[in-house]
Protein backbone atom coordinates (compact mmCIF):
# COMPACT_ATOMS: atom_id res chain seq x y z
CA UNK A 1 53.30 60.37 -56.65
CA UNK A 2 51.29 60.03 -53.53
CA UNK A 3 51.80 57.23 -50.69
CA UNK A 4 48.05 56.38 -51.47
CA UNK A 5 49.08 55.92 -55.23
CA UNK A 6 51.78 53.86 -54.86
CA UNK A 7 49.78 51.50 -52.27
CA UNK A 8 47.19 51.16 -54.93
CA UNK A 9 49.50 49.95 -57.81
CA UNK A 10 51.28 47.80 -55.22
CA UNK A 11 48.01 45.98 -54.46
CA UNK A 12 46.99 45.72 -57.96
CA UNK A 13 50.57 44.20 -58.72
CA UNK A 14 49.87 41.66 -55.71
CA UNK A 15 46.56 40.68 -56.79
CA UNK A 16 47.84 40.01 -60.22
CA UNK A 17 50.46 37.58 -58.57
CA UNK A 18 47.71 35.95 -56.53
CA UNK A 19 44.94 35.59 -58.60
CA UNK A 20 45.16 36.05 -62.44
CA UNK A 21 41.46 34.63 -62.48
CA UNK A 22 40.18 37.78 -60.08
CA UNK A 23 42.55 40.28 -61.72
CA UNK A 24 40.86 40.27 -64.92
CA UNK A 25 37.49 40.85 -64.08
CA UNK A 26 38.21 43.60 -61.50
CA UNK A 27 39.67 45.73 -64.27
CA UNK A 28 35.97 45.93 -65.52
CA UNK A 29 35.00 47.91 -62.27
CA UNK A 30 35.08 51.72 -62.07
CA UNK A 31 38.04 53.22 -59.94
CA UNK A 32 36.81 53.57 -56.58
CA UNK A 33 34.93 50.15 -56.73
CA UNK A 34 37.95 48.61 -58.26
CA UNK A 35 40.20 49.77 -55.23
CA UNK A 36 37.35 48.66 -52.75
CA UNK A 37 36.94 45.09 -54.00
CA UNK A 38 40.87 44.52 -54.39
CA UNK A 39 41.34 45.70 -50.85
CA UNK A 40 38.52 43.13 -49.89
CA UNK A 41 39.77 40.35 -51.92
CA UNK A 42 43.23 40.83 -50.75
CA UNK A 43 42.12 41.05 -46.94
CA UNK A 44 40.19 37.62 -47.56
CA UNK A 45 43.07 36.28 -49.45
CA UNK A 46 45.51 37.23 -46.82
CA UNK A 47 43.89 34.92 -44.37
CA UNK A 48 43.14 32.21 -46.92
CA UNK A 49 46.94 31.58 -47.30
CA UNK A 50 47.23 30.75 -43.87
CA UNK A 51 44.54 28.30 -43.99
CA UNK A 52 45.84 26.68 -47.12
CA UNK A 53 49.42 26.68 -45.93
CA UNK A 54 50.96 23.23 -46.60
CA UNK A 55 53.92 23.26 -43.98
CA UNK A 56 51.92 25.08 -40.95
CA UNK A 57 50.74 23.11 -37.73
CA UNK A 58 47.01 22.94 -37.46
CA UNK A 59 47.15 24.46 -33.90
CA UNK A 60 49.59 27.32 -35.33
CA UNK A 61 46.78 27.99 -37.98
CA UNK A 62 43.99 28.38 -35.91
CA UNK A 63 45.83 30.30 -33.15
CA UNK A 64 46.72 32.79 -35.92
CA UNK A 65 43.26 32.86 -37.76
CA UNK A 66 41.43 33.27 -34.12
CA UNK A 67 44.12 36.20 -33.28
CA UNK A 68 43.42 37.82 -36.55
CA UNK A 69 39.54 37.53 -36.05
CA UNK A 70 39.80 39.17 -32.59
CA UNK A 71 41.92 42.18 -34.24
CA UNK A 72 39.60 42.54 -37.11
CA UNK A 73 36.76 43.53 -34.72
CA UNK A 74 38.38 46.49 -33.06
CA UNK A 75 40.90 48.93 -34.46
CA UNK A 76 43.27 47.33 -36.40
CA UNK A 77 46.88 47.59 -35.03
CA UNK A 78 49.45 47.32 -37.53
CA UNK A 79 52.33 46.71 -35.05
CA UNK A 80 50.75 43.97 -33.04
CA UNK A 81 49.73 42.16 -36.48
CA UNK A 82 53.68 42.33 -37.42
CA UNK A 83 54.43 40.96 -34.02
CA UNK A 84 51.99 38.07 -34.39
CA UNK A 85 53.19 36.67 -37.59
CA UNK A 86 56.78 37.49 -37.07
CA UNK A 87 57.61 33.91 -35.95
CA UNK A 88 56.16 32.53 -39.42
CA UNK A 89 57.32 35.73 -41.69
CA UNK A 90 59.83 33.56 -43.77
CA UNK A 91 57.13 31.29 -44.58
CA UNK A 92 54.17 33.53 -45.45
CA UNK A 93 53.28 34.94 -48.84
CA UNK A 94 53.53 39.14 -49.19
CA UNK A 95 49.64 38.98 -49.37
CA UNK A 96 49.35 38.01 -46.01
CA UNK A 97 52.18 39.79 -44.59
CA UNK A 98 50.66 43.07 -46.06
CA UNK A 99 47.02 42.87 -44.36
CA UNK A 100 47.64 45.83 -42.88
CA UNK A 101 48.30 47.82 -46.19
CA UNK A 102 44.98 46.26 -47.63
CA UNK A 103 42.96 47.42 -45.08
CA UNK A 104 44.52 51.01 -45.02
CA UNK A 105 43.81 50.72 -49.09
CA UNK A 106 39.85 50.40 -48.17
CA UNK A 107 37.94 53.68 -48.28
CA UNK A 108 37.05 54.83 -44.76
CA UNK A 109 33.28 54.56 -44.97
CA UNK A 110 33.10 50.91 -45.97
CA UNK A 111 36.42 49.51 -44.38
CA UNK A 112 34.53 48.46 -41.16
CA UNK A 113 32.13 46.22 -43.56
CA UNK A 114 35.50 44.38 -45.01
CA UNK A 115 36.95 44.04 -41.44
CA UNK A 116 34.13 42.40 -40.30
CA UNK A 117 33.36 39.85 -43.38
CA UNK A 118 37.17 38.91 -43.10
CA UNK A 119 37.12 38.37 -39.40
CA UNK A 120 33.89 36.22 -39.77
CA UNK A 121 35.83 34.30 -42.30
CA UNK A 122 39.00 33.77 -40.43
CA UNK A 123 36.77 32.58 -37.44
CA UNK A 124 34.96 29.97 -39.93
CA UNK A 125 38.31 28.88 -41.14
CA UNK A 126 39.76 28.37 -37.47
CA UNK A 127 36.64 26.33 -36.87
CA UNK A 128 36.98 24.14 -39.64
CA UNK A 129 40.77 23.50 -38.66
CA UNK A 130 39.46 22.22 -35.57
CA UNK A 131 37.38 19.91 -37.01
CA UNK A 132 39.93 18.77 -39.36
CA UNK A 133 38.15 19.70 -42.20
CA UNK A 134 35.92 16.40 -41.75
CA UNK A 135 33.08 16.88 -44.11
CA UNK A 136 30.52 14.25 -43.23
CA UNK A 137 27.11 15.62 -44.62
CA UNK A 138 25.96 17.91 -47.26
CA UNK A 139 25.47 20.34 -44.57
CA UNK A 140 28.82 20.26 -43.47
CA UNK A 141 29.96 20.93 -46.84
CA UNK A 142 27.61 24.21 -47.19
CA UNK A 143 28.91 25.30 -43.89
CA UNK A 144 32.37 25.15 -44.98
CA UNK A 145 32.08 26.61 -48.66
CA UNK A 146 29.76 29.42 -46.66
CA UNK A 147 32.95 30.55 -44.63
CA UNK A 148 35.37 30.15 -47.45
CA UNK A 149 33.63 31.51 -50.50
CA UNK A 150 29.89 32.22 -49.84
CA UNK A 151 30.86 35.19 -47.48
CA UNK A 152 32.80 36.24 -50.21
CA UNK A 153 29.32 36.59 -52.15
CA UNK A 154 27.83 38.34 -49.17
CA UNK A 155 30.68 41.19 -48.73
CA UNK A 156 30.39 41.78 -52.64
CA UNK A 157 26.61 42.50 -52.42
CA UNK A 158 27.47 44.85 -49.70
CA UNK A 159 30.05 46.75 -51.63
CA UNK A 160 27.57 46.73 -54.54
CA UNK A 161 24.65 48.50 -52.26
CA UNK A 162 27.50 50.79 -50.82
CA UNK A 163 28.71 51.83 -54.44
CA UNK A 164 25.00 52.21 -55.79
CA UNK A 165 22.28 52.26 -53.35
CA UNK A 166 19.59 51.02 -56.13
CA UNK A 167 21.46 47.62 -56.20
CA UNK A 168 19.35 44.70 -54.54
CA UNK A 169 20.68 41.31 -54.51
CA UNK A 170 19.33 38.17 -52.86
CA UNK A 171 21.64 36.87 -49.87
CA UNK A 172 21.03 33.13 -50.74
CA UNK A 173 22.17 33.66 -54.45
CA UNK A 174 24.95 35.97 -53.17
CA UNK A 175 25.93 32.81 -51.15
CA UNK A 176 25.71 30.62 -54.01
CA UNK A 177 27.62 32.56 -56.35
CA UNK A 178 30.72 32.29 -54.10
CA UNK A 179 29.85 28.68 -53.36
CA UNK A 180 29.79 27.44 -56.73
CA UNK A 181 33.40 29.04 -57.76
CA UNK A 182 34.67 27.36 -54.50
CA UNK A 183 33.12 23.89 -55.49
CA UNK A 184 34.99 24.12 -59.15
CA UNK A 185 38.15 24.57 -57.03
CA UNK A 186 37.58 21.81 -54.84
CA UNK A 187 37.13 19.53 -57.79
CA UNK A 188 40.43 21.17 -59.54
CA UNK A 189 42.40 20.69 -56.47
CA UNK A 190 41.03 17.10 -55.19
CA UNK A 191 44.15 15.09 -55.77
CA UNK A 192 46.48 17.85 -53.86
CA UNK A 193 43.87 17.93 -51.02
CA UNK A 194 43.73 14.19 -50.58
CA UNK A 195 47.78 13.90 -50.57
CA UNK A 196 47.44 16.13 -47.53
CA UNK A 197 44.66 13.82 -46.02
CA UNK A 198 41.58 16.48 -46.67
CA UNK A 199 38.66 15.09 -48.54
CA UNK A 200 35.93 17.75 -48.99
CA UNK A 201 33.46 15.09 -50.05
CA UNK A 202 30.60 14.25 -47.76
CA UNK A 203 30.06 10.71 -46.80
CA UNK A 204 28.67 8.62 -49.54
CA UNK A 205 29.39 11.31 -52.34
CA UNK A 206 31.46 10.70 -55.30
CA UNK A 207 33.17 12.99 -57.74
CA UNK A 208 29.93 13.06 -59.86
CA UNK A 209 27.90 14.55 -56.82
CA UNK A 210 30.38 17.18 -56.41
CA UNK A 211 30.09 18.07 -60.00
CA UNK A 212 26.36 18.35 -59.51
CA UNK A 213 26.60 20.44 -56.44
CA UNK A 214 28.96 22.76 -58.05
CA UNK A 215 26.59 22.93 -61.30
CA UNK A 216 23.61 24.06 -58.89
CA UNK A 217 25.30 26.77 -57.07
CA UNK A 218 26.91 28.32 -60.30
CA UNK A 219 23.22 28.35 -61.73
CA UNK A 220 21.84 29.98 -58.50
CA UNK A 221 25.08 32.51 -59.01
CA UNK A 222 23.87 33.51 -62.55
CA UNK A 223 20.53 34.13 -61.18
CA UNK A 224 22.30 36.19 -58.50
CA UNK A 225 23.83 38.40 -61.22
CA UNK A 226 20.42 38.90 -63.07
CA UNK A 227 19.56 40.91 -60.14
CA UNK A 228 22.25 43.64 -60.62
CA UNK A 229 21.71 46.58 -62.87
CA UNK A 230 24.92 47.76 -63.64
CA UNK A 231 26.97 47.14 -66.54
CA UNK A 232 30.45 46.88 -65.09
CA UNK A 233 29.56 44.80 -61.88
CA UNK A 234 27.65 42.72 -63.99
CA UNK A 235 30.60 41.84 -66.13
CA UNK A 236 32.87 41.53 -63.07
CA UNK A 237 30.28 38.72 -61.76
CA UNK A 238 29.78 37.03 -65.01
CA UNK A 239 33.48 36.60 -66.09
CA UNK A 240 34.22 33.92 -63.00
CA UNK A 241 30.97 32.24 -63.66
CA UNK A 242 31.66 31.72 -67.42
CA UNK A 243 35.25 30.74 -66.61
CA UNK A 244 34.25 28.23 -63.60
CA UNK A 245 31.36 26.63 -65.99
CA UNK A 246 33.93 26.20 -68.95
CA UNK A 247 36.45 24.55 -66.10
CA UNK A 248 33.70 22.18 -65.17
CA UNK A 249 33.18 21.21 -68.77
CA UNK A 250 36.80 20.56 -69.22
CA UNK A 251 37.11 18.58 -66.20
CA UNK A 252 34.29 16.24 -67.30
CA UNK A 253 36.27 15.26 -70.25
CA UNK A 254 39.44 14.66 -68.35
CA UNK A 255 41.18 18.12 -68.48
CA UNK A 256 42.62 19.82 -65.42
CA UNK A 257 41.80 23.28 -66.39
CA UNK A 258 40.92 25.60 -69.33
CA UNK A 259 43.78 27.29 -71.71
CA UNK A 260 44.99 30.68 -71.52
CA UNK A 261 43.53 31.11 -75.05
CA UNK A 262 40.12 29.80 -73.95
CA UNK A 263 40.15 32.39 -71.01
CA UNK A 264 40.65 35.11 -73.53
CA UNK A 265 37.87 33.66 -75.88
CA UNK A 266 35.58 34.11 -72.88
CA UNK A 267 36.55 37.68 -71.89
CA UNK A 268 36.18 38.77 -75.56
CA UNK A 269 32.91 36.73 -75.75
CA UNK A 270 31.60 38.67 -72.69
CA UNK A 271 33.02 42.17 -73.83
CA UNK A 272 31.02 41.96 -77.10
CA UNK A 273 27.76 41.06 -75.16
CA UNK A 274 28.02 44.28 -73.17
């Protein structure tokens, strides 16, 4: 078995361990695109784990993310990256430790785009760590959710275009696609975030306002999908939106999340429509 095949298998294993929600829709994509999107997701998840780390000092997070951002803007040096994270190796997850592998997994003709998007995300995360995640206005919330999720929507649009030059998507809708999914995550994790002193609510907002924010962005995310004339990509995009909408409804009636059975039912329903 070739090294490339082994790396691909390992990447899919890590993806499954890291995010079951993402692992299900990615399997709708055709093989080359599946590998590319997996690489991009894992690169972004690698830095996300640093931003979200429960025990790491804020200044350490900021320094790591800034250094990673800079290293992604040039020829990525795997050895230098190993040296950078070595002091924190015991507390970092495998998805972060293997960032160099996820870059290697990406097809050469699109890897610079993935590196660029991940670099911008790392920079944005470092900026918000500097601000101690103090969200005061809706504009602040939009800025934060752009860096941690809207950018994912933009990068996916770039990958769709790379895969099929006929696919034209709207950037604002692409940002809303990611932003809506992130808003649902914020609602789900609100108690945990408050425990660590982070409150992703603009001044004067309550939970209802955040529900509305999520719904509005998910609605724009649904419009984003309508612009995509490709069955497998449409399926990939529709599933997270459907899961997020169902999760919102569940939280509205006091449940924390939807069940595995409900997830399976949503997947089957979408498959039957296509």
